[in-house]
Every structure is written in C-alpha cells, then in structure tokens.
Amino acid sequence: LMFTYPGGPEAFQKHLHDQGTAVTAKAKEIWPEYTGPSTRTYALSNAFAASAYSNSGYVLNANQFGMKTIAPAPRPQDIGMPVWQGTPEENTAMIRAVFSLVGLGPMIGTTMLDEKSENFVWEYNGKGVTGGDAKYGNKHIIFDPNISEAYSDDTTFRIPTSHKYVIATHNLSCDEFLRTGLSGSGAYGTEEMSYVRVAYAKSVVEQFIRGLGYNVAYGHDLQAATAWDIWSGV
C-alpha cells in the first residue's frame, strides 16, 4: 500500500493521522452506536501486531529465503519415487487442497507466466517491509534463462525462465474488525494476522512442490497481488 500511495511511503507515513481520522469518522457513520475500541479490542490488535512484520520471525518467509529451511522436503528421486505428473485439473484440485489444509484456501487461481504477464512482476522489489531488514529490499528482479531454481543474492532476485505457471491466492481479513477498529486500536490488526498465515502457507506449499519434483519462486515483494488475482481468476 505504501508504495502505491501518491507520493510513496514518505507521504503515506506523513498522512497516517489523517487516514486514521477518516477511518474513525467512517466507522462512526456506519455504526453510530459503536463508541470505540475496548480493552479486548486493543489486546487482539496488539497480539496480531506482536507477531507481524519485523516484530517477530513469523513473517520472514512471506519472502522466499527470508528464513532458512533446516530440513527441506526430499525430492522424489531422493526417496525412490517418480516426479509427479498430473492433469491440469488434478493439479489445480491438489494445490487448492494443500492451501486449504494450511489455512489459505480454497480461493486458488492459476495462470501462465509469459511475456505479457511478466509485466505484473516488479523490476525491483520493495524495501523489506515484511522482513524488517533493508537487505531484503531493493533487489533487481531478473528472469534468468541459465538457472533452474530461484535464488537471491545481495543485489538480485533471480527467477528461472523455465517457470511457466503462476499459482495465485488471496487471504481474507476479518472485515468487521477491520472496519470497527477505529484508528485507536490499529485498524489493520487482522491484516497483520493474515501476513503470518500467508508466510506459513507459502513455506509449506514451497516444500510440497519441491517434494513433487518441481521448483517455485515467490515473494510478497515481487509483484502486485491484485493483478495476479484478476489475471488468474481468483
């Protein structure tokens, strides 16, 4: 949101108070009997905030390589099994089931990664808003024909051009809490909870696809999520 706000992150931060005032006014318009946040409202919002962004390590894997996987899932050849082969319908149902199992389904869409849709991917990623460390941000995103597995270094995030499919999903927040939180309780509390859930789901699905015999590239800071949601039919 900060990067799409007119004037960028600096302008977004500068106008936070005005935005909070506007949210409060709108909430009172919709729910005139609502008097404001209670102790438990603050408690819930702050509990979500404590686990989100740079306040803990839970959200690091919203970006790939944010937290090292100590024991990655073995590939099929490591356990004497064939690489998974399924029809598009089977694969879509399978991915939807796995995302649902980890709390992020069943809203799943799939689409092609091609010359046109590559335009949905940023040229440079964000400034590490999910990792809490500047080293995760401002990396040049490159589609690389010479690799088969994504990797990241100090200046680049590289995606294999052999990657041809995109899986898109969108995690829903609790609208009621979001709208009635008012500025005083942090209206984005459930949004922070969502980032934790998404980071966990991404890690599980990455390892699942590895176990099928394939590789993935992902990152909260790689693209505009809504564009892929629309393009994939989510």
Foldseek 3Di string as FASTA:
>chain_A
DQCPPVVHVVVCVVCLVVVLVVLQVVLCVVVVVQDADDPVLLVLLVVLVCPFAQNDLLLLLLAPPRDDDPDFAAAQVVVVHDQDDDDPVVVLVVLCVLCVVLPFDNLKFKDWDDPVNCVQWDQWFAQRRGSNDRQVGGAGEEADCPDFAWDDDSHHTYHHPPRIMDMATDHDFDVVQLSRNRSVSPSCSRVSVRSSSSSVSVVVVQRVNSHSPGGDHHHPGTGDRVVCCVVRVD
